Amino acid sequence: MYLDADISVKKKRYQKLLEKNKPTRPLYCITLPVNGENIMEIYSSVELWFRWYRRRRVTVIGLAGSREKAEMLAAQICLDTVCREGDISPRIVRGYFEDIM
């Protein structure tokens, strides 16, 4: 899982809070796409509490403390994927994370 510097200090705590759908301080989640057409999606952790998201299988691949940091982290994920796979697409990103999880 990718984390920004602020989150990496308390990684396990934030992961447990997300798994239990507990409120957290402003936290942004980078996820694999729900619709399959996007490469990644960024949500506030509060959005993931809605029933619609809980009914779907949302795979969190990164955590950040702000929207801007989440965008920078998503860019880093794209860069790492291109360096490893040579290209980027929704299928490649999903395969990249299935390989490392």
N, C-alpha and C. Protein backbone atom coordinates (compact mmCIF):
# COMPACT_ATOMS: atom_id res chain seq x y z
N MET A 1 0.84 -1.17 0.00
CA MET A 1 0.00 0.00 0.00
C MET A 1 0.89 1.24 0.00
N TYR A 2 0.48 2.21 -0.78
CA TYR A 2 1.21 3.47 -0.84
C TYR A 2 0.68 4.41 0.24
N LEU A 3 1.58 5.12 0.91
CA LEU A 3 1.21 6.04 1.99
C LEU A 3 2.00 7.32 1.86
N ASP A 4 1.38 8.45 2.23
CA ASP A 4 2.18 9.67 2.29
C ASP A 4 2.90 9.69 3.63
N ALA A 5 3.82 10.60 3.80
CA ALA A 5 4.69 10.63 4.99
C ALA A 5 3.89 10.81 6.28
N ASP A 6 2.80 11.59 6.24
CA ASP A 6 2.01 11.82 7.45
C ASP A 6 1.28 10.57 7.91
N ILE A 7 0.87 9.76 6.99
CA ILE A 7 0.07 8.57 7.29
C ILE A 7 0.95 7.38 7.66
N SER A 8 2.12 7.28 7.08
CA SER A 8 2.96 6.09 7.27
C SER A 8 3.34 5.86 8.72
N VAL A 9 3.34 6.90 9.54
CA VAL A 9 3.68 6.77 10.95
C VAL A 9 2.65 5.91 11.69
N LYS A 10 1.38 6.06 11.33
CA LYS A 10 0.30 5.33 12.01
C LYS A 10 -0.48 4.46 11.03
N LYS A 11 0.23 3.77 10.17
CA LYS A 11 -0.38 2.97 9.10
C LYS A 11 -1.40 1.96 9.62
N LYS A 12 -1.02 1.15 10.56
CA LYS A 12 -1.90 0.09 11.06
C LYS A 12 -3.17 0.67 11.69
N ARG A 13 -3.03 1.77 12.39
CA ARG A 13 -4.19 2.40 13.03
C ARG A 13 -5.21 2.83 11.98
N TYR A 14 -4.74 3.50 10.92
CA TYR A 14 -5.65 3.96 9.89
C TYR A 14 -6.26 2.81 9.11
N GLN A 15 -5.51 1.77 8.86
CA GLN A 15 -6.04 0.61 8.16
C GLN A 15 -7.18 -0.03 8.96
N LYS A 16 -6.99 -0.18 10.27
CA LYS A 16 -8.03 -0.77 11.11
C LYS A 16 -9.28 0.10 11.14
N LEU A 17 -9.10 1.42 11.24
CA LEU A 17 -10.25 2.31 11.26
C LEU A 17 -11.04 2.21 9.96
N LEU A 18 -10.35 2.13 8.84
CA LEU A 18 -11.03 2.00 7.55
C LEU A 18 -11.76 0.67 7.44
N GLU A 19 -11.13 -0.41 7.86
CA GLU A 19 -11.76 -1.72 7.79
C GLU A 19 -13.02 -1.79 8.63
N LYS A 20 -13.03 -1.10 9.75
CA LYS A 20 -14.18 -1.12 10.66
C LYS A 20 -15.18 0.00 10.37
N ASN A 21 -14.93 0.78 9.29
CA ASN A 21 -15.78 1.92 8.92
C ASN A 21 -15.93 2.93 10.06
N LYS A 22 -14.84 3.15 10.76
CA LYS A 22 -14.83 4.11 11.86
C LYS A 22 -14.40 5.48 11.31
N PRO A 23 -14.91 6.55 11.92
CA PRO A 23 -14.50 7.90 11.49
C PRO A 23 -13.01 8.12 11.73
N THR A 24 -12.38 8.81 10.81
CA THR A 24 -10.97 9.16 10.94
C THR A 24 -10.80 10.64 10.64
N ARG A 25 -9.65 11.14 10.98
CA ARG A 25 -9.37 12.54 10.61
C ARG A 25 -9.40 12.59 9.08
N PRO A 26 -9.35 13.77 8.50
CA PRO A 26 -9.40 13.82 7.04
C PRO A 26 -8.37 12.87 6.43
N LEU A 27 -8.86 11.92 5.71
CA LEU A 27 -8.03 10.89 5.13
C LEU A 27 -8.55 10.64 3.72
N TYR A 28 -7.66 10.55 2.77
CA TYR A 28 -8.06 10.31 1.39
C TYR A 28 -7.54 8.95 0.96
N CYS A 29 -8.42 8.20 0.32
CA CYS A 29 -8.11 6.85 -0.11
C CYS A 29 -7.97 6.81 -1.62
N ILE A 30 -6.90 6.20 -2.08
CA ILE A 30 -6.72 5.93 -3.51
C ILE A 30 -7.14 4.49 -3.69
N THR A 31 -8.09 4.27 -4.60
CA THR A 31 -8.64 2.93 -4.78
C THR A 31 -8.53 2.49 -6.23
N LEU A 32 -8.60 1.18 -6.41
CA LEU A 32 -8.78 0.66 -7.75
C LEU A 32 -10.18 1.05 -8.18
N PRO A 33 -10.41 1.27 -9.47
CA PRO A 33 -11.70 1.80 -9.91
C PRO A 33 -12.85 0.82 -9.68
N VAL A 34 -13.99 1.37 -9.31
CA VAL A 34 -15.19 0.57 -9.13
C VAL A 34 -15.80 0.24 -10.50
N ASN A 35 -15.72 1.20 -11.44
CA ASN A 35 -16.35 1.00 -12.74
C ASN A 35 -15.47 0.29 -13.76
N GLY A 36 -14.20 0.15 -13.50
CA GLY A 36 -13.31 -0.57 -14.40
C GLY A 36 -12.75 0.24 -15.55
N GLU A 37 -13.26 1.45 -15.79
CA GLU A 37 -12.76 2.27 -16.88
C GLU A 37 -11.69 3.26 -16.45
N ASN A 38 -11.73 3.67 -15.20
CA ASN A 38 -10.72 4.60 -14.69
C ASN A 38 -9.47 3.82 -14.30
N ILE A 39 -8.37 4.53 -14.15
CA ILE A 39 -7.14 3.88 -13.70
C ILE A 39 -7.15 3.76 -12.18
N MET A 40 -7.49 4.86 -11.51
CA MET A 40 -7.61 4.89 -10.05
C MET A 40 -8.69 5.90 -9.69
N GLU A 41 -9.14 5.85 -8.46
CA GLU A 41 -10.11 6.82 -7.96
C GLU A 41 -9.65 7.31 -6.60
N ILE A 42 -9.96 8.56 -6.29
CA ILE A 42 -9.61 9.15 -5.00
C ILE A 42 -10.89 9.54 -4.29
N TYR A 43 -11.04 9.06 -3.05
CA TYR A 43 -12.22 9.35 -2.24
C TYR A 43 -11.78 9.84 -0.87
N SER A 44 -12.60 10.70 -0.30
CA SER A 44 -12.45 11.00 1.12
C SER A 44 -12.90 9.75 1.86
N SER A 45 -12.26 9.44 2.97
CA SER A 45 -12.65 8.24 3.72
C SER A 45 -14.10 8.30 4.17
N VAL A 46 -14.64 9.50 4.34
CA VAL A 46 -16.03 9.67 4.73
C VAL A 46 -16.97 9.13 3.65
N GLU A 47 -16.60 9.32 2.38
CA GLU A 47 -17.43 8.81 1.28
C GLU A 47 -17.57 7.30 1.32
N LEU A 48 -16.55 6.61 1.75
CA LEU A 48 -16.57 5.15 1.76
C LEU A 48 -17.55 4.60 2.80
N TRP A 49 -18.07 5.44 3.68
CA TRP A 49 -19.06 4.99 4.65
C TRP A 49 -20.42 4.79 4.02
N PHE A 50 -20.68 5.44 2.87
CA PHE A 50 -21.99 5.31 2.24
C PHE A 50 -22.24 3.87 1.82
N ARG A 51 -23.48 3.48 1.94
CA ARG A 51 -23.88 2.10 1.65
C ARG A 51 -23.48 1.66 0.25
N TRP A 52 -23.58 2.57 -0.73
CA TRP A 52 -23.24 2.22 -2.11
C TRP A 52 -21.82 1.68 -2.21
N TYR A 53 -20.88 2.33 -1.53
CA TYR A 53 -19.48 1.89 -1.57
C TYR A 53 -19.27 0.62 -0.76
N ARG A 54 -19.97 0.49 0.34
CA ARG A 54 -19.81 -0.70 1.16
C ARG A 54 -20.31 -1.95 0.46
N ARG A 55 -21.26 -1.78 -0.44
CA ARG A 55 -21.78 -2.93 -1.20
C ARG A 55 -20.83 -3.38 -2.30
N ARG A 56 -19.97 -2.51 -2.71
CA ARG A 56 -19.00 -2.85 -3.75
C ARG A 56 -17.67 -3.24 -3.12
N ARG A 57 -16.91 -3.94 -3.87
CA ARG A 57 -15.59 -4.34 -3.39
C ARG A 57 -14.61 -3.22 -3.75
N VAL A 58 -14.35 -2.35 -2.78
CA VAL A 58 -13.43 -1.23 -2.99
C VAL A 58 -12.08 -1.63 -2.43
N THR A 59 -11.07 -1.62 -3.29
CA THR A 59 -9.72 -2.00 -2.88
C THR A 59 -8.89 -0.74 -2.71
N VAL A 60 -8.52 -0.43 -1.47
CA VAL A 60 -7.71 0.75 -1.18
C VAL A 60 -6.24 0.40 -1.44
N ILE A 61 -5.59 1.21 -2.27
CA ILE A 61 -4.18 0.96 -2.61
C ILE A 61 -3.27 2.07 -2.09
N GLY A 62 -3.86 3.15 -1.56
CA GLY A 62 -3.05 4.23 -1.03
C GLY A 62 -3.83 5.10 -0.07
N LEU A 63 -3.13 5.70 0.88
CA LEU A 63 -3.73 6.60 1.87
C LEU A 63 -2.92 7.88 1.94
N ALA A 64 -3.63 9.01 2.03
CA ALA A 64 -2.96 10.30 2.13
C ALA A 64 -3.75 11.20 3.08
N GLY A 65 -3.08 12.19 3.62
CA GLY A 65 -3.69 13.10 4.57
C GLY A 65 -4.44 14.26 3.96
N SER A 66 -4.27 14.51 2.67
CA SER A 66 -4.98 15.60 2.00
C SER A 66 -5.23 15.22 0.55
N ARG A 67 -6.13 15.94 -0.08
CA ARG A 67 -6.45 15.67 -1.49
C ARG A 67 -5.22 15.87 -2.37
N GLU A 68 -4.48 16.93 -2.12
CA GLU A 68 -3.28 17.22 -2.92
C GLU A 68 -2.24 16.10 -2.78
N LYS A 69 -2.05 15.64 -1.56
CA LYS A 69 -1.09 14.55 -1.34
C LYS A 69 -1.58 13.26 -1.98
N ALA A 70 -2.89 13.06 -2.00
CA ALA A 70 -3.45 11.87 -2.66
C ALA A 70 -3.20 11.93 -4.16
N GLU A 71 -3.33 13.11 -4.74
CA GLU A 71 -3.06 13.27 -6.18
C GLU A 71 -1.59 13.01 -6.49
N MET A 72 -0.70 13.50 -5.63
CA MET A 72 0.73 13.25 -5.84
C MET A 72 1.05 11.77 -5.68
N LEU A 73 0.41 11.12 -4.74
CA LEU A 73 0.61 9.69 -4.52
C LEU A 73 0.09 8.88 -5.71
N ALA A 74 -1.05 9.29 -6.26
CA ALA A 74 -1.60 8.62 -7.45
C ALA A 74 -0.64 8.78 -8.64
N ALA A 75 -0.04 9.95 -8.76
CA ALA A 75 0.95 10.16 -9.83
C ALA A 75 2.15 9.25 -9.63
N GLN A 76 2.58 9.08 -8.39
CA GLN A 76 3.71 8.17 -8.09
C GLN A 76 3.35 6.73 -8.42
N ILE A 77 2.11 6.34 -8.12
CA ILE A 77 1.66 4.99 -8.46
C ILE A 77 1.69 4.79 -9.97
N CYS A 78 1.24 5.78 -10.72
CA CYS A 78 1.27 5.70 -12.19
C CYS A 78 2.71 5.56 -12.68
N LEU A 79 3.60 6.37 -12.14
CA LEU A 79 5.00 6.33 -12.54
C LEU A 79 5.62 4.97 -12.24
N ASP A 80 5.37 4.45 -11.05
CA ASP A 80 5.89 3.13 -10.67
C ASP A 80 5.34 2.03 -11.58
N THR A 81 4.07 2.13 -11.94
CA THR A 81 3.45 1.14 -12.81
C THR A 81 4.08 1.18 -14.19
N VAL A 82 4.28 2.38 -14.73
CA VAL A 82 4.89 2.51 -16.05
C VAL A 82 6.33 1.99 -16.03
N CYS A 83 7.07 2.30 -14.97
CA CYS A 83 8.46 1.82 -14.87
C CYS A 83 8.51 0.29 -14.82
N ARG A 84 7.56 -0.32 -14.13
CA ARG A 84 7.57 -1.77 -13.99
C ARG A 84 6.98 -2.47 -15.21
N GLU A 85 5.86 -1.95 -15.73
CA GLU A 85 5.12 -2.64 -16.79
C GLU A 85 5.39 -2.08 -18.19
N GLY A 86 5.89 -0.84 -18.29
CA GLY A 86 6.15 -0.24 -19.58
C GLY A 86 4.97 0.49 -20.18
N ASP A 87 3.81 0.44 -19.56
CA ASP A 87 2.60 1.09 -20.06
C ASP A 87 1.64 1.26 -18.89
N ILE A 88 0.54 1.95 -19.15
CA ILE A 88 -0.46 2.11 -18.09
C ILE A 88 -1.85 2.02 -18.69
N SER A 89 -2.70 1.27 -18.03
CA SER A 89 -4.12 1.14 -18.36
C SER A 89 -4.81 0.60 -17.12
N PRO A 90 -6.14 0.66 -17.07
CA PRO A 90 -6.82 0.11 -15.89
C PRO A 90 -6.47 -1.36 -15.63
N ARG A 91 -6.37 -2.14 -16.68
CA ARG A 91 -6.04 -3.57 -16.54
C ARG A 91 -4.64 -3.75 -15.98
N ILE A 92 -3.70 -2.97 -16.46
CA ILE A 92 -2.30 -3.09 -16.00
C ILE A 92 -2.17 -2.67 -14.54
N VAL A 93 -2.83 -1.57 -14.15
CA VAL A 93 -2.75 -1.10 -12.76
C VAL A 93 -3.37 -2.14 -11.83
N ARG A 94 -4.52 -2.69 -12.21
CA ARG A 94 -5.16 -3.72 -11.38
C ARG A 94 -4.24 -4.94 -11.25
N GLY A 95 -3.64 -5.35 -12.36
CA GLY A 95 -2.71 -6.50 -12.33
C GLY A 95 -1.49 -6.22 -11.48
N TYR A 96 -0.98 -4.99 -11.54
CA TYR A 96 0.19 -4.59 -10.75
C TYR A 96 -0.10 -4.78 -9.26
N PHE A 97 -1.28 -4.35 -8.81
CA PHE A 97 -1.60 -4.44 -7.39
C PHE A 97 -2.02 -5.85 -6.99
N GLU A 98 -2.59 -6.61 -7.88
CA GLU A 98 -2.90 -8.00 -7.55
C GLU A 98 -1.62 -8.81 -7.39
N ASP A 99 -0.59 -8.47 -8.16
CA ASP A 99 0.71 -9.16 -8.04
C ASP A 99 1.39 -8.86 -6.71
N ILE A 100 1.31 -7.62 -6.22
CA ILE A 100 2.04 -7.26 -5.02
C ILE A 100 1.22 -7.43 -3.74
N MET A 101 -0.08 -7.72 -3.85
CA MET A 101 -0.91 -7.87 -2.64
C MET A 101 -0.98 -9.28 -2.21
